């Protein structure tokens, strides 16, 4: 199980604070359970899978898209992997062969930052593979878990420690200077952590079944609970925070802490990683069920069985540079869910005069629905002239785009210039 794997990296969670005072404000919100209404079946998806590291004992978990257009993955026990969209892999060994890199996020100046669960360090790697490590744990026996870059420009990370009963949240500057530890007021903080749209850092309280947020000034607020272990948390396309619950629920919370919990059929899904997808949906890894789950912001969902051999448990998930859904697979592989491909012809438009008209055509494999097109009406007008065609008329000089969208939130952007 995913939790068992993570716990093999992490020690008992701790509670301690250094460096600032905390306003221990506690706010509770009742979580109401609402059933999902399943959408009609989607077209059959296509998949790819690549081997990241064939060495015995390797295991990949954290994954993020880098500024270079590649995927960056924590490859335990001791390296960072770079994977191109075509599947070409480069491994960058860490100084400690048992660092156990766990969580990754993007940093400034074309860098990827990551936690080392085995050493307690925070690391960064450039796009060329240069690695720098920072000591992030003045506490003995500490383990850095998940990491996010805050709106304040600092990196916030969850950490566990054998000497304390609760978890802690740390901060470190991009320069590598450690700032302080903050402590959740009453329950286990971590490991899941993310930056919210409100500028605060949000985290899960694993064993308490709650979520929480902390301001850059160190004030904590808790919300919940769900009655079961909360696993990971991510911002959604709707301005809310979305989180997974191990017993088969997905929750969303407004930035004010109003929580709705949705139930997914099946009691042992082992829901874990969650990300804001490329299609205005949330994508979730169902670890114990070997599935991916796509959820819209109204609570409708689709379930996709991962067709790989073995036990393809999805431990990490992200939107790739190719706008497909990439996920790490139990052991040494990375998988790709390939979304429907939309093409528009021509892919760009140039008008030489006002009043000129052109037609664009839309095609999408395996899709049988309709499309909508929007643009700046002061530059062009767009009207549907057929089931898969739009007539575009130049209205005023300038530049704009036409955004084509299907009912599944796949999209295509057509640049337009009116001279």
Protein backbone atom coordinates (compact mmCIF):
# COMPACT_ATOMS: atom_id res chain seq x y z
CA UNK A 1 0.00 0.00 0.00
CA UNK A 2 1.09 3.54 -0.63
CA UNK A 3 0.84 4.54 2.99
CA UNK A 4 3.00 1.62 4.04
CA UNK A 5 5.62 2.61 1.46
CA UNK A 6 5.71 6.21 2.62
CA UNK A 7 5.87 5.18 6.23
CA UNK A 8 8.91 3.07 5.39
CA UNK A 9 10.58 6.40 4.51
CA UNK A 10 9.11 8.39 7.41
CA UNK A 11 9.44 8.19 11.15
CA UNK A 12 6.84 9.00 13.81
CA UNK A 13 5.46 12.51 13.37
CA UNK A 14 6.54 15.33 15.67
CA UNK A 15 5.42 18.65 17.23
CA UNK A 16 7.92 21.44 17.91
CA UNK A 17 8.35 25.07 17.00
CA UNK A 18 11.33 27.37 16.65
CA UNK A 19 11.70 30.98 15.64
CA UNK A 20 8.27 32.70 15.83
CA UNK A 21 5.08 32.87 17.85
CA UNK A 22 1.90 31.16 16.69
CA UNK A 23 -1.66 32.35 17.02
CA UNK A 24 -3.28 28.98 17.80
CA UNK A 25 -6.65 29.77 16.28
CA UNK A 26 -8.75 26.67 15.60
CA UNK A 27 -11.69 26.78 13.19
CA UNK A 28 -13.76 23.68 12.47
CA UNK A 29 -16.05 23.06 9.50
CA UNK A 30 -18.45 20.14 9.15
CA UNK A 31 -17.73 17.85 6.20
CA UNK A 32 -20.92 16.80 4.45
CA UNK A 33 -20.79 13.59 2.39
CA UNK A 34 -22.35 13.80 -1.08
CA UNK A 35 -22.53 10.93 -3.60
CA UNK A 36 -21.03 11.23 -7.05
CA UNK A 37 -23.13 11.07 -10.19
CA UNK A 38 -21.07 9.11 -12.70
CA UNK A 39 -20.71 10.54 -16.19
CA UNK A 40 -21.37 8.40 -19.27
CA UNK A 41 -18.38 6.35 -20.39
CA UNK A 42 -15.59 8.20 -22.08
CA UNK A 43 -13.81 7.07 -25.25
CA UNK A 44 -11.25 4.34 -24.67
CA UNK A 45 -8.02 6.00 -23.53
CA UNK A 46 -4.54 5.22 -24.79
CA UNK A 47 -1.52 4.76 -22.56
CA UNK A 48 2.27 4.66 -22.58
CA UNK A 49 4.72 3.35 -19.99
CA UNK A 50 8.48 3.94 -19.70
CA UNK A 51 11.15 2.36 -17.51
CA UNK A 52 12.81 4.97 -15.30
CA UNK A 53 15.36 2.83 -13.48
CA UNK A 54 15.82 -0.91 -13.98
CA UNK A 55 18.10 -1.33 -10.95
CA UNK A 56 16.71 -3.74 -8.39
CA UNK A 57 15.17 -1.93 -5.42
CA UNK A 58 14.48 1.35 -7.19
CA UNK A 59 11.16 3.06 -6.56
CA UNK A 60 9.74 6.24 -8.07
CA UNK A 61 7.19 8.44 -6.27
CA UNK A 62 7.36 12.24 -6.71
CA UNK A 63 6.95 13.71 -10.20
CA UNK A 64 6.79 17.27 -11.55
CA UNK A 65 7.04 18.99 -14.93
CA UNK A 66 10.16 21.09 -15.19
CA UNK A 67 10.73 24.44 -16.91
CA UNK A 68 12.71 22.59 -19.58
CA UNK A 69 9.65 20.68 -20.82
CA UNK A 70 10.69 17.38 -19.26
CA UNK A 71 9.42 15.31 -16.33
CA UNK A 72 11.52 15.21 -13.16
CA UNK A 73 11.11 12.26 -10.80
CA UNK A 74 12.43 11.21 -7.41
CA UNK A 75 14.08 7.83 -7.95
CA UNK A 76 14.74 6.14 -4.62
CA UNK A 77 16.99 5.20 -3.10
CA UNK A 78 19.46 7.74 -4.47
CA UNK A 79 18.90 9.67 -7.71
CA UNK A 80 16.78 12.21 -9.56
CA UNK A 81 15.50 11.16 -12.99
CA UNK A 82 14.82 13.38 -15.99
CA UNK A 83 12.37 11.91 -18.50
CA UNK A 84 11.60 13.52 -21.85
CA UNK A 85 8.05 13.34 -23.25
CA UNK A 86 9.29 10.66 -25.65
CA UNK A 87 10.56 8.53 -22.74
CA UNK A 88 14.31 9.15 -22.85
CA UNK A 89 15.70 8.89 -19.29
CA UNK A 90 18.74 10.48 -17.63
CA UNK A 91 19.62 9.63 -14.01
CA UNK A 92 21.46 12.09 -11.76
CA UNK A 93 22.90 10.34 -8.67
CA UNK A 94 22.59 12.15 -5.34
CA UNK A 95 25.63 12.48 -3.04
CA UNK A 96 24.09 10.04 -0.56
CA UNK A 97 23.02 6.80 -2.31
CA UNK A 98 20.28 6.38 0.31
CA UNK A 99 18.79 9.87 0.18
CA UNK A 100 15.30 8.63 -0.76
CA UNK A 101 14.05 11.69 -2.72
CA UNK A 102 10.33 11.87 -2.09
CA UNK A 103 8.62 15.10 -3.24
CA UNK A 104 9.54 17.65 -5.93
CA UNK A 105 8.44 21.14 -6.94
CA UNK A 106 9.59 23.85 -9.32
CA UNK A 107 11.89 26.57 -8.06
CA UNK A 108 13.30 29.84 -9.41
CA UNK A 109 16.01 30.13 -12.05
CA UNK A 110 15.11 26.88 -13.82
CA UNK A 111 15.58 24.57 -10.85
CA UNK A 112 13.70 21.67 -9.29
CA UNK A 113 13.62 21.44 -5.49
CA UNK A 114 13.09 18.18 -3.64
CA UNK A 115 13.02 16.56 -0.22
CA UNK A 116 15.41 13.83 0.85
CA UNK A 117 13.43 11.65 3.22
CA UNK A 118 16.44 9.50 4.05
CA UNK A 119 18.81 12.33 5.02
CA UNK A 120 16.44 15.10 6.10
CA UNK A 121 17.99 17.47 3.53
CA UNK A 122 16.34 19.79 1.01
CA UNK A 123 17.93 19.59 -2.42
CA UNK A 124 17.80 21.43 -5.72
CA UNK A 125 18.87 20.40 -9.19
CA UNK A 126 19.45 22.50 -12.29
CA UNK A 127 18.26 21.47 -15.72
CA UNK A 128 21.79 20.32 -16.51
CA UNK A 129 21.90 18.09 -13.42
CA UNK A 130 23.94 20.18 -10.95
CA UNK A 131 22.83 19.24 -7.43
CA UNK A 132 22.96 21.36 -4.25
CA UNK A 133 21.84 20.14 -0.83
CA UNK A 134 20.83 22.18 2.22
CA UNK A 135 20.54 21.10 5.83
CA UNK A 136 16.91 21.72 6.71
CA UNK A 137 16.64 19.93 10.02
CA UNK A 138 18.32 21.34 13.13
CA UNK A 139 16.22 18.69 14.91
CA UNK A 140 17.93 15.30 15.23
CA UNK A 141 16.43 12.28 13.48
CA UNK A 142 14.24 14.39 11.17
CA UNK A 143 12.82 13.34 7.80
CA UNK A 144 11.73 15.85 5.17
CA UNK A 145 8.55 14.73 3.44
CA UNK A 146 6.61 16.93 0.95
CA UNK A 147 7.56 20.36 -0.40
CA UNK A 148 5.87 23.34 -2.07
CA UNK A 149 6.97 26.80 -3.11
CA UNK A 150 4.95 29.42 -1.26
CA UNK A 151 3.61 32.70 -2.61
CA UNK A 152 6.22 34.38 -0.39
CA UNK A 153 8.96 32.83 -2.55
CA UNK A 154 10.16 30.49 0.21
CA UNK A 155 9.94 26.71 0.19
CA UNK A 156 7.63 25.11 2.74
CA UNK A 157 8.01 21.46 3.64
CA UNK A 158 6.49 18.92 5.99
CA UNK A 159 8.78 16.97 8.27
CA UNK A 160 8.55 14.11 10.73
CA UNK A 161 10.69 13.42 13.77
CA UNK A 162 10.97 10.42 16.09
CA UNK A 163 11.26 12.57 19.21
CA UNK A 164 7.93 14.41 19.00
CA UNK A 165 4.29 13.31 18.75
CA UNK A 166 3.20 15.64 15.93
CA UNK A 167 4.52 16.81 12.58
CA UNK A 168 6.19 20.12 11.81
CA UNK A 169 6.31 22.46 8.83
CA UNK A 170 9.57 24.11 7.89
CA UNK A 171 10.57 27.04 5.72
CA UNK A 172 13.75 27.58 3.75
CA UNK A 173 14.76 30.46 1.48
CA UNK A 174 15.80 29.93 -2.18
CA UNK A 175 19.31 30.84 -0.99
CA UNK A 176 19.23 27.71 1.17
CA UNK A 177 19.01 29.62 4.45
CA UNK A 178 16.77 27.83 6.91
CA UNK A 179 14.09 30.12 8.39
CA UNK A 180 12.00 28.39 11.04
CA UNK A 181 9.72 25.55 12.04
CA UNK A 182 6.01 25.97 12.54
CA UNK A 183 3.87 23.51 14.40
CA UNK A 184 0.28 22.46 13.84
CA UNK A 185 -1.66 23.44 16.99
CA UNK A 186 -3.14 20.07 17.86
CA UNK A 187 -2.67 17.27 15.34
CA UNK A 188 -0.29 15.60 12.95
CA UNK A 189 0.75 18.00 10.18
CA UNK A 190 1.72 16.36 6.94
CA UNK A 191 2.90 14.85 4.82
CA UNK A 192 0.78 16.43 2.03
CA UNK A 193 1.41 20.15 1.52
CA UNK A 194 0.62 22.69 -1.21
CA UNK A 195 0.29 26.41 -1.90
CA UNK A 196 -3.28 27.68 -2.03
CA UNK A 197 -4.81 30.40 -4.23
CA UNK A 198 -5.21 32.57 -1.12
CA UNK A 199 -1.43 32.84 -0.67
CA UNK A 200 -1.39 30.51 2.35
CA UNK A 201 0.22 27.09 2.65
CA UNK A 202 -2.26 24.24 3.03
CA UNK A 203 -1.48 20.85 4.51
CA UNK A 204 -3.14 17.63 5.58
CA UNK A 205 -3.37 16.31 9.11
CA UNK A 206 -2.98 12.68 8.33
CA UNK A 207 -4.19 10.83 11.41
CA UNK A 208 -6.62 13.55 12.54
CA UNK A 209 -8.55 13.38 9.26
CA UNK A 210 -8.35 17.15 8.84
CA UNK A 211 -6.76 19.76 6.62
CA UNK A 212 -5.18 23.00 7.71
CA UNK A 213 -3.62 26.19 6.49
CA UNK A 214 -0.84 28.41 7.78
CA UNK A 215 -0.26 32.04 6.84
CA UNK A 216 3.22 33.38 6.03
CA UNK A 217 3.05 34.95 9.52
CA UNK A 218 2.60 31.55 11.16
CA UNK A 219 -1.10 31.54 12.07
CA UNK A 220 -2.74 28.12 11.82
CA UNK A 221 -6.36 27.23 11.12
CA UNK A 222 -7.75 23.69 10.98
CA UNK A 223 -10.78 22.38 9.11
CA UNK A 224 -12.51 19.01 9.16
CA UNK A 225 -12.65 16.24 9.94
CA UNK A 226 -13.30 13.47 7.48
CA UNK A 227 -13.17 10.46 9.80
CA UNK A 228 -10.25 8.85 7.96
CA UNK A 229 -6.65 9.53 6.93
CA UNK A 230 -6.25 12.57 4.66
CA UNK A 231 -3.46 11.87 2.18
CA UNK A 232 -2.59 14.69 -0.23
CA UNK A 233 -3.86 18.12 -1.21
CA UNK A 234 -3.71 20.32 -4.33
CA UNK A 235 -5.28 23.53 -5.65
CA UNK A 236 -8.10 22.97 -8.15
CA UNK A 237 -9.15 24.86 -11.27
CA UNK A 238 -12.12 26.32 -9.36
CA UNK A 239 -10.11 28.22 -6.75
CA UNK A 240 -10.72 25.58 -4.07
CA UNK A 241 -8.38 23.12 -2.37
CA UNK A 242 -8.94 19.46 -3.20
CA UNK A 243 -7.71 16.56 -1.10
CA UNK A 244 -7.81 12.78 -1.01
CA UNK A 245 -8.99 10.56 1.84
CA UNK A 246 -7.62 7.04 2.11
CA UNK A 247 -11.01 5.35 2.54
CA UNK A 248 -12.29 6.33 -0.92
CA UNK A 249 -13.36 9.95 -0.64
CA UNK A 250 -12.24 13.14 -2.36
CA UNK A 251 -12.84 16.44 -0.62
CA UNK A 252 -12.84 20.06 -1.61
CA UNK A 253 -12.50 23.07 0.63
CA UNK A 254 -13.03 26.73 -0.04
CA UNK A 255 -10.27 29.00 1.19
CA UNK A 256 -12.60 29.81 4.10
CA UNK A 257 -12.80 26.14 5.09
CA UNK A 258 -16.23 25.07 3.86
CA UNK A 259 -15.72 21.39 3.07
CA UNK A 260 -17.60 18.98 0.83
CA UNK A 261 -16.59 15.32 0.72
CA UNK A 262 -17.48 13.12 -2.25
CA UNK A 263 -17.63 9.35 -2.06
CA UNK A 264 -16.05 7.18 -4.76
CA UNK A 265 -17.49 3.64 -5.13
CA UNK A 266 -15.26 1.00 -3.60
CA UNK A 267 -14.11 0.99 0.00
CA UNK A 268 -10.44 0.11 -0.50
CA UNK A 269 -9.26 2.42 -3.27
CA UNK A 270 -6.33 3.80 -1.30
CA UNK A 271 -6.72 7.27 -2.82
CA UNK A 272 -3.42 9.15 -2.72
CA UNK A 273 -1.84 11.60 -5.19
CA UNK A 274 -3.97 14.40 -6.64
CA UNK A 275 -3.24 17.12 -9.19
CA UNK A 276 -4.95 19.86 -11.16
CA UNK A 277 -5.13 18.28 -14.60
CA UNK A 278 -4.78 19.73 -18.11
CA UNK A 279 -8.54 19.58 -18.72
CA UNK A 280 -10.03 21.58 -15.82
CA UNK A 281 -10.48 18.34 -13.86
CA UNK A 282 -8.74 16.90 -10.83
CA UNK A 283 -6.82 13.68 -11.42
CA UNK A 284 -6.33 11.20 -8.58
CA UNK A 285 -4.30 8.04 -8.18
CA UNK A 286 -6.22 5.13 -6.64
CA UNK A 287 -3.22 3.20 -5.37
CA UNK A 288 -4.85 0.04 -4.08
CA UNK A 289 -7.24 -0.20 -7.04
CA UNK A 290 -4.54 0.44 -9.71
CA UNK A 291 -6.69 3.16 -11.27
CA UNK A 292 -6.73 6.81 -12.25
CA UNK A 293 -9.81 8.85 -11.38
CA UNK A 294 -10.81 12.06 -13.14
CA UNK A 295 -13.16 14.38 -11.24
CA UNK A 296 -14.76 17.61 -12.38
CA UNK A 297 -15.44 20.48 -9.98
CA UNK A 298 -19.11 19.47 -9.65
CA UNK A 299 -18.18 16.00 -8.39
CA UNK A 300 -18.73 13.93 -11.55
CA UNK A 301 -16.08 11.35 -12.21
CA UNK A 302 -14.62 8.76 -14.58
CA UNK A 303 -12.49 5.80 -13.51
CA UNK A 304 -9.72 4.42 -15.73
CA UNK A 305 -8.09 1.07 -14.98
CA UNK A 306 -4.33 1.29 -15.59
CA UNK A 307 -3.56 -1.45 -18.14
CA UNK A 308 0.08 -2.06 -17.23
CA UNK A 309 1.46 -5.39 -16.06
CA UNK A 310 2.10 -6.16 -12.41
CA UNK A 311 0.63 -3.85 -9.77
CA UNK A 312 0.74 -0.42 -11.46
CA UNK A 313 -0.03 1.54 -8.30
CA UNK A 314 0.12 5.29 -9.07
CA UNK A 315 2.20 6.97 -6.35
CA UNK A 316 2.69 10.43 -7.91
CA UNK A 317 0.79 12.37 -10.57
CA UNK A 318 1.18 15.59 -12.55
CA UNK A 319 0.24 17.35 -15.78
CA UNK A 320 2.96 16.80 -18.33
CA UNK A 321 4.45 19.30 -20.78
CA UNK A 322 2.46 17.56 -23.52
CA UNK A 323 -0.81 18.20 -21.60
CA UNK A 324 -1.19 14.51 -20.86
CA UNK A 325 -1.45 13.02 -17.37
CA UNK A 326 1.83 11.53 -16.14
CA UNK A 327 2.13 9.33 -13.08
CA UNK A 328 4.76 7.26 -11.33
CA UNK A 329 4.10 3.55 -11.06
CA UNK A 330 4.98 1.30 -8.15
CA UNK A 331 8.59 0.28 -8.62
CA UNK A 332 10.59 1.74 -11.48
CA UNK A 333 8.16 2.97 -14.17
CA UNK A 334 6.35 6.13 -15.23
CA UNK A 335 3.03 6.00 -17.06
CA UNK A 336 1.16 8.40 -19.34
CA UNK A 337 -2.57 8.71 -19.87
CA UNK A 338 -2.88 10.16 -23.38
CA UNK A 339 -5.85 12.46 -23.77
CA UNK A 340 -7.94 12.93 -26.88
CA UNK A 341 -6.11 14.83 -29.57
CA UNK A 342 -7.83 17.85 -31.11
CA UNK A 343 -6.56 19.41 -34.33
CA UNK A 344 -7.72 22.65 -35.96
CA UNK A 345 -7.04 23.56 -39.59
CA UNK A 346 -5.61 26.04 -40.27
CA UNK A 347 -3.84 26.33 -36.92
CA UNK A 348 -3.42 30.13 -37.23
CA UNK A 349 -5.20 32.90 -39.13
CA UNK A 350 -4.04 36.15 -40.71
CA UNK A 351 -6.48 38.65 -42.24
CA UNK A 352 -5.36 41.34 -44.66
CA UNK A 353 -8.50 43.47 -44.31
CA UNK A 354 -11.56 44.02 -42.18
CA UNK A 355 -14.58 42.07 -43.41
CA UNK A 356 -12.49 39.20 -44.75
CA UNK A 357 -13.82 35.73 -43.84
CA UNK A 358 -12.06 32.41 -43.30
CA UNK A 359 -13.16 28.94 -42.15
CA UNK A 360 -11.54 26.69 -39.57
CA UNK A 361 -12.21 22.96 -39.23
CA UNK A 362 -12.00 20.88 -36.05
CA UNK A 363 -11.16 17.18 -35.78
CA UNK A 364 -10.82 15.04 -32.65
CA UNK A 365 -10.14 11.30 -32.59
CA UNK A 366 -12.90 9.20 -31.01
CA UNK A 367 -14.90 12.28 -30.04
CA UNK A 368 -18.54 12.57 -31.12
CA UNK A 369 -19.67 15.70 -29.30
CA UNK A 370 -19.68 19.39 -30.19
CA UNK A 371 -17.25 22.27 -29.81
CA UNK A 372 -17.51 25.90 -28.76
CA UNK A 373 -15.32 28.78 -29.97
CA UNK A 374 -14.68 32.07 -28.19
CA UNK A 375 -12.57 35.09 -29.08
CA UNK A 376 -12.27 38.86 -28.69
CA UNK A 377 -15.32 40.23 -30.54
CA UNK A 378 -13.57 43.55 -31.18
CA UNK A 379 -11.06 41.75 -33.44
CA UNK A 380 -12.99 38.82 -34.96
CA UNK A 381 -16.46 37.31 -34.85
CA UNK A 382 -16.78 33.52 -34.77
CA UNK A 383 -19.88 31.58 -35.74
CA UNK A 384 -20.44 27.84 -36.18
CA UNK A 385 -21.11 27.09 -39.84
CA UNK A 386 -21.19 23.27 -39.67
CA UNK A 387 -20.91 20.43 -37.20
CA UNK A 388 -17.12 20.74 -37.21
CA UNK A 389 -16.47 24.11 -38.88
CA UNK A 390 -16.48 27.75 -37.76
CA UNK A 391 -16.57 30.91 -39.89
CA UNK A 392 -14.27 33.67 -38.68
CA UNK A 393 -14.80 37.28 -39.80
CA UNK A 394 -12.31 40.09 -39.28
CA UNK A 395 -13.94 42.95 -37.35
CA UNK A 396 -11.08 45.20 -36.23
CA UNK A 397 -7.29 45.37 -36.43
CA UNK A 398 -5.23 43.67 -33.77
CA UNK A 399 -4.18 40.30 -32.42
CA UNK A 400 -6.21 37.76 -30.48
CA UNK A 401 -6.82 34.03 -30.15
CA UNK A 402 -9.74 31.73 -30.85
CA UNK A 403 -10.19 29.15 -28.10
CA UNK A 404 -11.83 25.91 -29.23
CA UNK A 405 -13.23 23.76 -26.41
CA UNK A 406 -14.99 20.38 -26.38
CA UNK A 407 -17.35 19.10 -23.70
CA UNK A 408 -14.50 17.13 -22.12
CA UNK A 409 -12.43 20.32 -21.61
CA UNK A 410 -9.86 19.49 -24.26
CA UNK A 411 -8.93 22.71 -26.01
CA UNK A 412 -7.00 24.21 -28.89
CA UNK A 413 -5.85 27.82 -29.32
CA UNK A 414 -5.71 29.47 -32.76
CA UNK A 415 -3.63 32.69 -32.97
CA UNK A 416 -5.28 35.42 -35.07
CA UNK A 417 -3.88 38.61 -36.59
CA UNK A 418 -6.00 41.23 -38.40
CA UNK A 419 -3.80 43.67 -40.32
